[in-house]
N, C-alpha and C. Protein backbone atom coordinates (compact mmCIF):
# COMPACT_ATOMS: atom_id res chain seq x y z
N MET A 1 30.18 -51.79 -37.16
CA MET A 1 31.24 -50.83 -37.35
C MET A 1 31.16 -50.29 -38.79
N ALA A 2 31.27 -48.99 -38.91
CA ALA A 2 31.18 -48.35 -40.23
C ALA A 2 32.39 -48.70 -41.09
N LYS A 3 32.15 -48.73 -42.39
CA LYS A 3 33.21 -48.99 -43.36
C LYS A 3 33.42 -47.74 -44.22
N PHE A 4 34.64 -47.57 -44.68
CA PHE A 4 35.02 -46.43 -45.49
C PHE A 4 35.84 -46.91 -46.67
N LYS A 5 35.75 -46.18 -47.78
CA LYS A 5 36.53 -46.50 -48.97
C LYS A 5 37.56 -45.41 -49.18
N ILE A 6 38.80 -45.82 -49.34
CA ILE A 6 39.86 -44.88 -49.70
C ILE A 6 40.05 -44.99 -51.20
N GLU A 7 40.05 -43.85 -51.87
CA GLU A 7 40.35 -43.79 -53.31
C GLU A 7 41.62 -42.96 -53.49
N HIS A 8 42.56 -43.51 -54.22
CA HIS A 8 43.79 -42.79 -54.54
C HIS A 8 43.83 -42.59 -56.04
N HIS A 9 43.70 -41.36 -56.47
CA HIS A 9 43.73 -41.02 -57.89
C HIS A 9 45.20 -40.82 -58.26
N LYS A 10 45.84 -41.93 -58.53
CA LYS A 10 47.29 -41.98 -58.70
C LYS A 10 47.80 -41.12 -59.86
N GLU A 11 46.98 -40.91 -60.88
CA GLU A 11 47.40 -40.13 -62.04
C GLU A 11 47.78 -38.69 -61.68
N ILE A 12 47.16 -38.13 -60.64
CA ILE A 12 47.46 -36.75 -60.28
C ILE A 12 48.35 -36.62 -59.05
N CYS A 13 48.76 -37.75 -58.48
CA CYS A 13 49.67 -37.75 -57.33
C CYS A 13 50.99 -37.11 -57.74
N ILE A 14 51.51 -36.21 -56.90
CA ILE A 14 52.79 -35.57 -57.19
C ILE A 14 53.94 -36.19 -56.40
N GLY A 15 53.64 -37.20 -55.58
CA GLY A 15 54.69 -37.92 -54.86
C GLY A 15 55.34 -37.14 -53.74
N CYS A 16 54.59 -36.30 -53.05
CA CYS A 16 55.17 -35.51 -51.96
C CYS A 16 55.55 -36.37 -50.75
N GLY A 17 54.87 -37.51 -50.58
CA GLY A 17 55.19 -38.43 -49.49
C GLY A 17 54.50 -38.15 -48.17
N ALA A 18 53.64 -37.15 -48.12
CA ALA A 18 52.97 -36.83 -46.86
C ALA A 18 52.14 -38.01 -46.34
N CYS A 19 51.43 -38.68 -47.23
CA CYS A 19 50.58 -39.80 -46.81
C CYS A 19 51.42 -40.92 -46.20
N ALA A 20 52.55 -41.24 -46.83
CA ALA A 20 53.43 -42.31 -46.33
C ALA A 20 54.06 -41.93 -45.00
N ALA A 21 54.36 -40.66 -44.80
CA ALA A 21 54.93 -40.20 -43.53
C ALA A 21 53.89 -40.25 -42.41
N ILE A 22 52.65 -39.92 -42.73
CA ILE A 22 51.58 -39.90 -41.72
C ILE A 22 51.10 -41.30 -41.38
N ASP A 23 50.94 -42.16 -42.38
CA ASP A 23 50.35 -43.49 -42.17
C ASP A 23 51.14 -44.56 -42.92
N PRO A 24 52.32 -44.93 -42.42
CA PRO A 24 53.15 -45.91 -43.12
C PRO A 24 52.57 -47.33 -43.14
N GLU A 25 51.53 -47.59 -42.36
CA GLU A 25 50.88 -48.91 -42.42
C GLU A 25 50.02 -49.05 -43.66
N ASP A 26 49.53 -47.94 -44.21
CA ASP A 26 48.65 -47.98 -45.38
C ASP A 26 49.25 -47.35 -46.62
N TRP A 27 50.31 -46.57 -46.48
CA TRP A 27 50.89 -45.84 -47.62
C TRP A 27 52.39 -46.04 -47.70
N VAL A 28 52.90 -46.15 -48.91
CA VAL A 28 54.34 -46.29 -49.16
C VAL A 28 54.66 -45.57 -50.46
N MET A 29 55.88 -45.11 -50.57
CA MET A 29 56.32 -44.50 -51.82
C MET A 29 56.83 -45.58 -52.76
N GLU A 30 56.40 -45.54 -54.02
CA GLU A 30 56.88 -46.43 -55.07
C GLU A 30 57.31 -45.55 -56.23
N GLY A 31 58.60 -45.37 -56.37
CA GLY A 31 59.10 -44.47 -57.40
C GLY A 31 58.70 -43.05 -57.06
N ASP A 32 58.08 -42.37 -58.02
CA ASP A 32 57.72 -40.97 -57.81
C ASP A 32 56.25 -40.77 -57.44
N LYS A 33 55.57 -41.85 -57.03
CA LYS A 33 54.16 -41.78 -56.63
C LYS A 33 53.97 -42.54 -55.32
N SER A 34 52.92 -42.20 -54.60
CA SER A 34 52.57 -42.98 -53.42
C SER A 34 51.71 -44.17 -53.84
N HIS A 35 51.67 -45.17 -52.98
CA HIS A 35 50.91 -46.38 -53.25
C HIS A 35 50.12 -46.75 -52.01
N LEU A 36 48.86 -47.06 -52.18
CA LEU A 36 47.98 -47.51 -51.12
C LEU A 36 48.17 -49.02 -50.95
N ILE A 37 48.73 -49.42 -49.84
CA ILE A 37 49.07 -50.82 -49.58
C ILE A 37 47.81 -51.68 -49.57
N ASP A 38 47.91 -52.89 -50.16
CA ASP A 38 46.80 -53.86 -50.22
C ASP A 38 45.55 -53.30 -50.90
N SER A 39 45.75 -52.53 -51.94
CA SER A 39 44.62 -51.92 -52.64
C SER A 39 44.32 -52.66 -53.93
N ASP A 40 43.14 -52.37 -54.47
CA ASP A 40 42.72 -52.89 -55.76
C ASP A 40 42.79 -51.76 -56.77
N LYS A 41 43.00 -52.12 -58.04
CA LYS A 41 42.98 -51.10 -59.10
C LYS A 41 41.54 -50.66 -59.33
N ILE A 42 41.35 -49.36 -59.52
CA ILE A 42 40.02 -48.81 -59.79
C ILE A 42 40.13 -47.79 -60.92
N ASP A 43 39.01 -47.50 -61.53
CA ASP A 43 38.93 -46.42 -62.51
C ASP A 43 38.47 -45.16 -61.77
N THR A 44 39.12 -44.05 -62.08
CA THR A 44 38.74 -42.76 -61.50
C THR A 44 38.44 -41.80 -62.64
N GLU A 45 37.92 -40.64 -62.30
CA GLU A 45 37.65 -39.66 -63.35
C GLU A 45 38.94 -39.14 -63.98
N ASN A 46 40.08 -39.38 -63.33
CA ASN A 46 41.37 -38.92 -63.86
C ASN A 46 42.17 -40.03 -64.51
N GLY A 47 41.62 -41.21 -64.57
CA GLY A 47 42.35 -42.34 -65.15
C GLY A 47 42.33 -43.54 -64.22
N LYS A 48 43.46 -44.16 -64.07
CA LYS A 48 43.56 -45.34 -63.22
C LYS A 48 43.99 -44.94 -61.82
N GLY A 49 43.49 -45.65 -60.84
CA GLY A 49 43.85 -45.39 -59.46
C GLY A 49 43.81 -46.66 -58.66
N GLU A 50 43.69 -46.50 -57.36
CA GLU A 50 43.61 -47.65 -56.47
C GLU A 50 42.69 -47.33 -55.32
N GLY A 51 42.13 -48.37 -54.74
CA GLY A 51 41.21 -48.16 -53.64
C GLY A 51 41.13 -49.37 -52.74
N LYS A 52 40.62 -49.16 -51.54
CA LYS A 52 40.37 -50.27 -50.62
C LYS A 52 39.38 -49.84 -49.56
N ILE A 53 38.80 -50.83 -48.92
CA ILE A 53 37.83 -50.61 -47.85
C ILE A 53 38.56 -50.73 -46.51
N ILE A 54 38.28 -49.79 -45.62
CA ILE A 54 38.85 -49.82 -44.28
C ILE A 54 37.72 -49.72 -43.26
N ASP A 55 38.05 -50.00 -42.00
CA ASP A 55 37.06 -49.78 -40.94
C ASP A 55 37.45 -48.53 -40.14
N GLU A 56 36.67 -48.23 -39.14
CA GLU A 56 36.86 -46.99 -38.37
C GLU A 56 38.23 -46.91 -37.70
N SER A 57 38.83 -48.06 -37.41
CA SER A 57 40.13 -48.04 -36.73
C SER A 57 41.23 -47.41 -37.58
N LYS A 58 41.06 -47.40 -38.89
CA LYS A 58 42.05 -46.82 -39.80
C LYS A 58 41.60 -45.48 -40.39
N LEU A 59 40.43 -45.02 -39.98
CA LEU A 59 39.87 -43.82 -40.56
C LEU A 59 40.68 -42.56 -40.25
N ALA A 60 41.03 -42.34 -38.99
CA ALA A 60 41.66 -41.08 -38.59
C ALA A 60 42.97 -40.82 -39.34
N LEU A 61 43.86 -41.81 -39.39
CA LEU A 61 45.14 -41.61 -40.07
C LEU A 61 44.97 -41.44 -41.57
N ASN A 62 44.07 -42.19 -42.17
CA ASN A 62 43.86 -42.05 -43.62
C ASN A 62 43.21 -40.71 -43.95
N GLN A 63 42.32 -40.23 -43.10
CA GLN A 63 41.74 -38.90 -43.33
C GLN A 63 42.80 -37.82 -43.16
N GLU A 64 43.69 -38.00 -42.18
CA GLU A 64 44.79 -37.06 -41.99
C GLU A 64 45.71 -37.05 -43.22
N ALA A 65 45.99 -38.25 -43.77
CA ALA A 65 46.81 -38.34 -44.99
C ALA A 65 46.13 -37.62 -46.15
N ALA A 66 44.83 -37.81 -46.29
CA ALA A 66 44.08 -37.12 -47.36
C ALA A 66 44.12 -35.61 -47.17
N ASP A 67 43.94 -35.16 -45.94
CA ASP A 67 43.92 -33.73 -45.65
C ASP A 67 45.30 -33.09 -45.87
N ALA A 68 46.37 -33.85 -45.64
CA ALA A 68 47.73 -33.32 -45.78
C ALA A 68 48.20 -33.29 -47.23
N CYS A 69 47.53 -34.02 -48.09
CA CYS A 69 47.94 -34.10 -49.49
C CYS A 69 47.76 -32.73 -50.15
N PRO A 70 48.82 -32.22 -50.82
CA PRO A 70 48.70 -30.90 -51.43
C PRO A 70 47.89 -30.87 -52.74
N VAL A 71 47.58 -32.03 -53.29
CA VAL A 71 46.70 -32.09 -54.46
C VAL A 71 45.52 -32.99 -54.10
N PRO A 72 44.37 -32.79 -54.71
CA PRO A 72 43.20 -33.61 -54.35
C PRO A 72 43.26 -34.98 -55.03
N CYS A 73 44.07 -35.89 -54.47
CA CYS A 73 44.16 -37.22 -55.08
C CYS A 73 43.81 -38.35 -54.12
N ILE A 74 43.58 -38.05 -52.84
CA ILE A 74 43.18 -39.06 -51.86
C ILE A 74 41.81 -38.67 -51.32
N PHE A 75 40.88 -39.59 -51.41
CA PHE A 75 39.52 -39.35 -50.94
C PHE A 75 39.09 -40.47 -50.00
N VAL A 76 38.46 -40.12 -48.89
CA VAL A 76 37.92 -41.09 -47.95
C VAL A 76 36.41 -40.89 -47.93
N LYS A 77 35.69 -41.96 -48.27
CA LYS A 77 34.23 -41.87 -48.39
C LYS A 77 33.59 -42.97 -47.54
N LYS A 78 32.51 -42.62 -46.85
CA LYS A 78 31.77 -43.62 -46.09
C LYS A 78 31.04 -44.55 -47.05
N VAL A 79 31.12 -45.84 -46.77
CA VAL A 79 30.42 -46.83 -47.58
C VAL A 79 29.01 -46.98 -47.02
N GLU A 80 28.02 -46.81 -47.87
CA GLU A 80 26.63 -46.98 -47.45
C GLU A 80 26.35 -48.45 -47.23
N GLU A 81 25.73 -48.75 -46.11
CA GLU A 81 25.42 -50.16 -45.81
C GLU A 81 24.01 -50.51 -46.16
């Protein structure tokens, strides 16, 4: 089964809440920013962020959350095996 990495560039998140509304199992609002549940802290080109590895079963909703985000702060990338 393919694996994917979600990256949330939290520094540029505007807190619209679309991701949490679409996928409440993986996203929640914390203050004025969204938070990727069960994620690790990562460095991004914009500063600090968060990320985690998911499998194909969680791909569709997380991609929908990324696509609905009005700023480019959520990225879903296939992990090379």
